[in-house]
C-alpha atoms as a PDB file:
ATOM      1  CA  MET A   1     -62.970 128.991  76.110  1.00  0.00           C
ATOM      2  CA  LYS A   2     -62.449 125.225  76.557  1.00  0.00           C
ATOM      3  CA  LYS A   3     -59.388 125.912  78.683  1.00  0.00           C
ATOM      4  CA  LEU A   4     -61.344 128.340  80.895  1.00  0.00           C
ATOM      5  CA  LEU A   5     -64.149 125.826  81.406  1.00  0.00           C
ATOM      6  CA  TYR A   6     -61.615 123.178  82.403  1.00  0.00           C
ATOM      7  CA  ILE A   7     -60.035 125.492  84.964  1.00  0.00           C
ATOM      8  CA  MET A   8     -63.448 126.222  86.453  1.00  0.00           C
ATOM      9  CA  LEU A   9     -64.435 122.566  86.696  1.00  0.00           C
ATOM     10  CA  VAL A  10     -61.299 121.119  88.286  1.00  0.00           C
ATOM     11  CA  PRO A  11     -61.885 122.580  91.795  1.00  0.00           C
ATOM     12  CA  ILE A  12     -65.383 121.090  91.824  1.00  0.00           C
ATOM     13  CA  ILE A  13     -64.053 117.607  91.185  1.00  0.00           C
ATOM     14  CA  ALA A  14     -61.387 118.015  93.845  1.00  0.00           C
ATOM     15  CA  HIS A  15     -63.639 119.087  96.692  1.00  0.00           C
ATOM     16  CA  SER A  16     -65.782 117.232  99.198  1.00  0.00           C
ATOM     17  CA  GLN A  17     -69.188 115.602  98.927  1.00  0.00           C
ATOM     18  CA  ASP A  18     -70.619 118.198 101.344  1.00  0.00           C
ATOM     19  CA  THR A  19     -70.515 120.849  98.629  1.00  0.00           C
ATOM     20  CA  VAL A  20     -73.000 121.652  95.883  1.00  0.00           C
ATOM     21  CA  ARG A  21     -72.059 123.433  92.666  1.00  0.00           C
ATOM     22  CA  ILE A  22     -74.659 125.930  91.446  1.00  0.00           C
ATOM     23  CA  LYS A  23     -74.445 127.985  88.246  1.00  0.00           C
ATOM     24  CA  HIS A  24     -76.134 131.369  88.068  1.00  0.00           C
ATOM     25  CA  THR A  25     -76.068 133.976  85.325  1.00  0.00           C
ATOM     26  CA  ASN A  26     -72.986 135.857  86.482  1.00  0.00           C
ATOM     27  CA  TYR A  27     -71.313 133.507  88.949  1.00  0.00           C
ATOM     28  CA  THR A  28     -70.864 129.878  89.929  1.00  0.00           C
ATOM     29  CA  THR A  29     -70.835 128.935  93.600  1.00  0.00           C
ATOM     30  CA  LEU A  30     -69.542 125.873  95.404  1.00  0.00           C
ATOM     31  CA  PHE A  31     -71.645 125.931  98.571  1.00  0.00           C
ATOM     32  CA  ASP A  32     -70.797 123.935 101.683  1.00  0.00           C
ATOM     33  CA  THR A  33     -74.045 122.445 102.997  1.00  0.00           C
ATOM     34  CA  VAL A  34     -72.523 121.762 106.425  1.00  0.00           C
ATOM     35  CA  LYS A  35     -70.807 125.099 107.095  1.00  0.00           C
ATOM     36  CA  HIS A  36     -73.475 127.000 105.118  1.00  0.00           C
ATOM     37  CA  TYR A  37     -71.138 129.303 103.266  1.00  0.00           C
ATOM     38  CA  PRO A  38     -69.445 129.135  99.839  1.00  0.00           C
ATOM     39  CA  VAL A  39     -65.955 127.669  99.710  1.00  0.00           C
ATOM     40  CA  LEU A  40     -65.493 128.852  96.125  1.00  0.00           C
ATOM     41  CA  VAL A  41     -67.271 131.388  93.918  1.00  0.00           C
ATOM     42  CA  GLU A  42     -66.103 132.144  90.374  1.00  0.00           C
ATOM     43  CA  TRP A  43     -67.052 134.914  87.951  1.00  0.00           C
ATOM     44  CA  VAL A  44     -65.707 137.150  85.184  1.00  0.00           C
ATOM     45  CA  ASP A  45     -65.736 140.942  85.250  1.00  0.00           C
ATOM     46  CA  THR A  46     -65.631 142.944  82.024  1.00  0.00           C
ATOM     47  CA  HIS A  47     -65.778 146.610  81.101  1.00  0.00           C
ATOM     48  CA  ASN A  48     -69.362 146.309  79.834  1.00  0.00           C
ATOM     49  CA  LYS A  49     -70.572 144.505  82.959  1.00  0.00           C
ATOM     50  CA  ILE A  50     -69.248 147.273  85.176  1.00  0.00           C
ATOM     51  CA  LEU A  51     -69.944 150.447  83.185  1.00  0.00           C
ATOM     52  CA  CYS A  52     -73.227 151.300  81.462  1.00  0.00           C
ATOM     53  CA  LYS A  53     -75.566 154.286  81.102  1.00  0.00           C
ATOM     54  CA  THR A  54     -78.411 153.000  83.254  1.00  0.00           C
ATOM     55  CA  PRO A  55     -77.241 150.516  85.913  1.00  0.00           C
ATOM     56  CA  VAL A  56     -79.895 149.003  88.156  1.00  0.00           C
ATOM     57  CA  LYS A  57     -79.859 149.857  91.843  1.00  0.00           C
ATOM     58  CA  ARG A  58     -78.505 147.531  94.494  1.00  0.00           C
ATOM     59  CA  ALA A  59     -81.311 145.108  95.357  1.00  0.00           C
ATOM     60  CA  ASP A  60     -80.686 144.180  99.020  1.00  0.00           C
ATOM     61  CA  ASP A  61     -83.250 141.392  98.540  1.00  0.00           C
ATOM     62  CA  PHE A  62     -81.392 138.646 100.410  1.00  0.00           C
ATOM     63  CA  ALA A  63     -83.060 135.297  99.726  1.00  0.00           C
ATOM     64  CA  PRO A  64     -82.593 131.525  99.734  1.00  0.00           C
ATOM     65  CA  ASP A  65     -81.161 130.150  96.521  1.00  0.00           C
ATOM     66  CA  PRO A  66     -84.095 128.566  94.642  1.00  0.00           C
ATOM     67  CA  LYS A  67     -81.723 125.846  93.421  1.00  0.00           C
ATOM     68  CA  LEU A  68     -80.879 124.894  97.029  1.00  0.00           C
ATOM     69  CA  SER A  69     -83.743 126.416  98.977  1.00  0.00           C
ATOM     70  CA  LYS A  70     -83.716 124.367 102.183  1.00  0.00           C
ATOM     71  CA  GLN A  71     -79.980 124.519 102.888  1.00  0.00           C
ATOM     72  CA  SER A  72     -79.736 128.217 102.008  1.00  0.00           C
ATOM     73  CA  ASP A  73     -82.743 129.524 103.958  1.00  0.00           C
ATOM     74  CA  LEU A  74     -80.462 131.383 106.358  1.00  0.00           C
ATOM     75  CA  ALA A  75     -82.057 134.774 107.084  1.00  0.00           C
ATOM     76  CA  ASP A  76     -82.906 133.867 110.689  1.00  0.00           C
ATOM     77  CA  ASP A  77     -79.426 132.417 111.242  1.00  0.00           C
ATOM     78  CA  TYR A  78     -77.792 135.772 110.455  1.00  0.00           C
ATOM     79  CA  LYS A  79     -80.324 137.844 112.417  1.00  0.00           C
ATOM     80  CA  GLY A  80     -78.884 139.452 115.536  1.00  0.00           C
ATOM     81  CA  THR A  81     -75.423 137.913 115.133  1.00  0.00           C
ATOM     82  CA  GLY A  82     -73.546 141.129 114.371  1.00  0.00           C
ATOM     83  CA  PHE A  83     -72.039 139.530 111.277  1.00  0.00           C
ATOM     84  CA  ASP A  84     -72.474 141.009 107.818  1.00  0.00           C
ATOM     85  CA  ARG A  85     -73.901 138.910 105.042  1.00  0.00           C
ATOM     86  CA  GLY A  86     -70.719 139.237 103.019  1.00  0.00           C
ATOM     87  CA  HIS A  87     -70.958 138.830  99.268  1.00  0.00           C
ATOM     88  CA  LEU A  88     -68.375 136.657  97.587  1.00  0.00           C
ATOM     89  CA  ALA A  89     -69.379 137.783  94.073  1.00  0.00           C
ATOM     90  CA  PRO A  90     -70.167 141.473  94.704  1.00  0.00           C
ATOM     91  CA  ALA A  91     -73.552 143.016  94.023  1.00  0.00           C
ATOM     92  CA  GLY A  92     -71.754 145.961  92.433  1.00  0.00           C
ATOM     93  CA  ASP A  93     -70.540 143.742  89.589  1.00  0.00           C
ATOM     94  CA  ASN A  94     -74.111 143.184  88.383  1.00  0.00           C
ATOM     95  CA  GLY A  95     -75.510 146.685  87.901  1.00  0.00           C
ATOM     96  CA  CYS A  96     -75.431 146.507  84.113  1.00  0.00           C
ATOM     97  CA  LEU A  97     -76.950 143.026  83.877  1.00  0.00           C
ATOM     98  CA  GLY A  98     -80.529 143.735  84.961  1.00  0.00           C
ATOM     99  CA  LYS A  99     -82.668 143.330  88.066  1.00  0.00           C
ATOM    100  CA  ASP A 100     -82.888 139.537  87.970  1.00  0.00           C
ATOM    101  CA  VAL A 101     -79.120 139.105  87.796  1.00  0.00           C
ATOM    102  CA  MET A 102     -78.652 141.671  90.543  1.00  0.00           C
ATOM    103  CA  SER A 103     -81.084 139.688  92.735  1.00  0.00           C
ATOM    104  CA  GLU A 104     -79.180 136.463  92.066  1.00  0.00           C
ATOM    105  CA  SER A 105     -76.137 138.003  93.762  1.00  0.00           C
ATOM    106  CA  PHE A 106     -78.161 138.221  96.990  1.00  0.00           C
ATOM    107  CA  PHE A 107     -78.772 134.478  97.270  1.00  0.00           C
ATOM    108  CA  TYR A 108     -77.364 133.076 100.509  1.00  0.00           C
ATOM    109  CA  THR A 109     -75.276 130.629  98.486  1.00  0.00           C
ATOM    110  CA  ASN A 110     -73.171 133.710  97.620  1.00  0.00           C
ATOM    111  CA  MET A 111     -72.893 134.887 101.257  1.00  0.00           C
ATOM    112  CA  ALA A 112     -70.581 134.215 104.168  1.00  0.00           C
ATOM    113  CA  PRO A 113     -70.760 135.608 107.717  1.00  0.00           C
ATOM    114  CA  GLN A 114     -68.059 138.276 107.794  1.00  0.00           C
ATOM    115  CA  TYR A 115     -67.162 140.726 110.519  1.00  0.00           C
ATOM    116  CA  PRO A 116     -68.066 144.283 109.466  1.00  0.00           C
ATOM    117  CA  GLY A 117     -64.403 145.201 109.844  1.00  0.00           C
ATOM    118  CA  LEU A 118     -63.592 142.860 106.972  1.00  0.00           C
ATOM    119  CA  ASN A 119     -66.674 143.219 104.781  1.00  0.00           C
ATOM    120  CA  ARG A 120     -66.756 147.023 104.882  1.00  0.00           C
ATOM    121  CA  GLY A 121     -62.977 147.424 104.941  1.00  0.00           C
ATOM    122  CA  LEU A 122     -60.304 145.776 102.815  1.00  0.00           C
ATOM    123  CA  TRP A 123     -62.731 143.245 101.297  1.00  0.00           C
ATOM    124  CA  LYS A 124     -64.704 146.183  99.867  1.00  0.00           C
ATOM    125  CA  ASP A 125     -61.477 147.903  98.788  1.00  0.00           C
ATOM    126  CA  LEU A 126     -60.480 144.825  96.805  1.00  0.00           C
ATOM    127  CA  GLU A 127     -63.908 144.700  95.154  1.00  0.00           C
ATOM    128  CA  ASN A 128     -63.388 148.292  94.003  1.00  0.00           C
ATOM    129  CA  MET A 129     -59.874 147.501  92.796  1.00  0.00           C
ATOM    130  CA  THR A 130     -61.185 144.543  90.793  1.00  0.00           C
ATOM    131  CA  ARG A 131     -63.790 146.691  89.065  1.00  0.00           C
ATOM    132  CA  THR A 132     -61.115 149.256  88.226  1.00  0.00           C
ATOM    133  CA  LEU A 133     -58.990 146.502  86.664  1.00  0.00           C
ATOM    134  CA  ALA A 134     -61.992 145.292  84.642  1.00  0.00           C
ATOM    135  CA  ILE A 135     -62.783 148.784  83.342  1.00  0.00           C
ATOM    136  CA  LYS A 136     -59.161 149.293  82.315  1.00  0.00           C
ATOM    137  CA  ASN A 137     -58.260 145.849  81.007  1.00  0.00           C
ATOM    138  CA  ASP A 138     -61.498 143.868  80.521  1.00  0.00           C
ATOM    139  CA  SER A 139     -61.769 140.109  81.119  1.00  0.00           C
ATOM    140  CA  VAL A 140     -60.785 139.841  84.759  1.00  0.00           C
ATOM    141  CA  PHE A 141     -61.247 136.323  86.136  1.00  0.00           C
ATOM    142  CA  VAL A 142     -62.062 136.193  89.836  1.00  0.00           C
ATOM    143  CA  LYS A 143     -62.190 133.349  92.339  1.00  0.00           C
ATOM    144  CA  ALA A 144     -63.090 133.873  95.980  1.00  0.00           C
ATOM    145  CA  GLY A 145     -63.977 131.712  98.920  1.00  0.00           C
ATOM    146  CA  CYS A 146     -63.960 131.178 102.641  1.00  0.00           C
ATOM    147  CA  PHE A 147     -62.279 128.634 104.870  1.00  0.00           C
ATOM    148  CA  GLY A 148     -62.398 127.355 108.439  1.00  0.00           C
ATOM    149  CA  ALA A 149     -64.920 127.151 111.228  1.00  0.00           C
ATOM    150  CA  GLY A 150     -64.740 129.662 114.060  1.00  0.00           C
ATOM    151  CA  GLN A 151     -67.989 130.353 115.864  1.00  0.00           C
ATOM    152  CA  HIS A 152     -70.988 128.094 115.289  1.00  0.00           C
ATOM    153  CA  ILE A 153     -74.244 130.079 115.289  1.00  0.00           C
ATOM    154  CA  LYS A 154     -77.409 128.086 114.622  1.00  0.00           C
ATOM    155  CA  HIS A 155     -76.700 126.528 111.202  1.00  0.00           C
ATOM    156  CA  LEU A 156     -73.864 128.914 110.363  1.00  0.00           C
ATOM    157  CA  TYR A 157     -70.178 128.338 110.800  1.00  0.00           C
ATOM    158  CA  VAL A 158     -68.173 131.555 110.771  1.00  0.00           C
ATOM    159  CA  PRO A 159     -65.146 131.219 108.482  1.00  0.00           C
ATOM    160  CA  THR A 160     -61.789 132.072 109.978  1.00  0.00           C
ATOM    161  CA  MET A 161     -60.420 133.309 106.651  1.00  0.00           C
ATOM    162  CA  CYS A 162     -61.634 134.571 103.302  1.00  0.00           C
ATOM    163  CA  TRP A 163     -59.537 134.707 100.135  1.00  0.00           C
ATOM    164  CA  LYS A 164     -59.588 136.064  96.613  1.00  0.00           C
ATOM    165  CA  ILE A 165     -57.613 135.503  93.398  1.00  0.00           C
ATOM    166  CA  ILE A 166     -57.811 138.012  90.546  1.00  0.00           C
ATOM    167  CA  THR A 167     -56.318 137.260  87.119  1.00  0.00           C
ATOM    168  CA  VAL A 168     -56.187 139.918  84.399  1.00  0.00           C
ATOM    169  CA  LYS A 169     -56.267 138.289  80.974  1.00  0.00           C
ATOM    170  CA  LYS A 170     -54.691 141.204  79.101  1.00  0.00           C
ATOM    171  CA  THR A 171     -51.650 141.650  81.328  1.00  0.00           C
ATOM    172  CA  LYS A 172     -51.471 138.055  82.617  1.00  0.00           C
ATOM    173  CA  GLN A 173     -51.099 139.472  86.140  1.00  0.00           C
ATOM    174  CA  THR A 174     -52.468 137.558  89.105  1.00  0.00           C
ATOM    175  CA  TYR A 175     -53.244 139.024  92.517  1.00  0.00           C
ATOM    176  CA  ALA A 176     -53.951 136.705  95.456  1.00  0.00           C
ATOM    177  CA  TYR A 177     -54.980 137.594  99.009  1.00  0.00           C
ATOM    178  CA  ILE A 178     -55.952 135.891 102.254  1.00  0.00           C
ATOM    179  CA  PHE A 179     -58.015 137.909 104.739  1.00  0.00           C
ATOM    180  CA  PRO A 180     -58.422 136.973 108.400  1.00  0.00           C
ATOM    181  CA  ASN A 181     -62.102 137.211 109.308  1.00  0.00           C
ATOM    182  CA  VAL A 182     -61.682 139.406 112.388  1.00  0.00           C
ATOM    183  CA  PRO A 183     -63.474 142.456 113.844  1.00  0.00           C
ATOM    184  CA  GLU A 184     -60.595 144.846 113.236  1.00  0.00           C
ATOM    185  CA  LYS A 185     -60.217 146.660 109.942  1.00  0.00           C
ATOM    186  CA  GLY A 186     -57.058 145.761 108.060  1.00  0.00           C
ATOM    187  CA  ILE A 187     -54.576 148.476 107.180  1.00  0.00           C
ATOM    188  CA  SER A 188     -53.176 147.466 103.791  1.00  0.00           C
ATOM    189  CA  LEU A 189     -54.021 145.069 100.982  1.00  0.00           C
ATOM    190  CA  ASP A 190     -50.318 144.728 100.233  1.00  0.00           C
ATOM    191  CA  LYS A 191     -49.755 143.087 103.617  1.00  0.00           C
ATOM    192  CA  LEU A 192     -52.334 140.417 102.752  1.00  0.00           C
ATOM    193  CA  LYS A 193     -50.823 139.405  99.409  1.00  0.00           C
ATOM    194  CA  VAL A 194     -49.963 135.731  99.091  1.00  0.00           C
ATOM    195  CA  SER A 195     -49.233 133.190  96.372  1.00  0.00           C
ATOM    196  CA  VAL A 196     -51.942 131.129  94.702  1.00  0.00           C
ATOM    197  CA  ASP A 197     -50.078 128.059  95.944  1.00  0.00           C
ATOM    198  CA  SER A 198     -50.604 129.143  99.546  1.00  0.00           C
ATOM    199  CA  ILE A 199     -54.369 129.415  98.988  1.00  0.00           C
ATOM    200  CA  GLU A 200     -54.422 125.988  97.364  1.00  0.00           C
ATOM    201  CA  LYS A 201     -52.534 124.560 100.317  1.00  0.00           C
ATOM    202  CA  LEU A 202     -54.971 126.154 102.759  1.00  0.00           C
ATOM    203  CA  THR A 203     -58.180 125.175 100.988  1.00  0.00           C
ATOM    204  CA  LYS A 204     -57.162 121.916  99.253  1.00  0.00           C
ATOM    205  CA  LEU A 205     -58.712 123.338  96.070  1.00  0.00           C
ATOM    206  CA  LYS A 206     -57.038 123.332  92.651  1.00  0.00           C
ATOM    207  CA  LEU A 207     -57.172 126.999  91.641  1.00  0.00           C
ATOM    208  CA  LYS A 208     -54.783 127.291  88.684  1.00  0.00           C
END
C-alpha cells in the first residue's frame, strides 16, 4: 500500500502550480484551474466495485466540485458547445458504491470537453474493457488525463488529446493509449496503443 500511495503522489509533486489535487471517495483528480479540465485522474477498479446485486442508477447530476466550487462551476461554459462532458473516472465504475459516490463522479473536476465521437466511441469502449478486466482480475489501477489547448470557449480549453493507462495487478499487464480529441469516431483501440513513456513525455507527468 505504501508503494501505491507513493506512485499516486509523485505526479502531483511534478506538476504545475495551476493544478489542484482533490481526493474523493473513488477517485483523485488533479484539476487545471486555467484550462478547467483534469490533467490527471486516478482510481482503482475491483470486482466488487463493478458487480453487485443492486447497483444505483446513473445520476447525471453534473455539479461544481464543493471542494473547488468557484473554479469548477462550469455548466454554462459547456452549454451549447456541442462538446460532451466527458468523464475521466467513469460513472459506470461507481454503481455499487452508493448514490453519494455516484454523484461525486459527476463533479466538473472529473470532466473534460470531449467531442461526442471520442466520448461515445473508443473512450467508452475502453471504459467497458477496463471494467471487464476488473471483473476478471480485480485490482485494476487506472490513470487518465487530458492534454493541450485547442478551442477556447468561455472558461474552457478543449484538450487536443486524452490518454489512459490501465495496469492489472494480477497479470502485471499495462495498457496505455492516447486518443486525439476529434469529431470522428476512431476505428480501433489497437491503433491508439502507446508506451507509458510516450504519455509521460507528452504530459510531463511521472506516471510509473
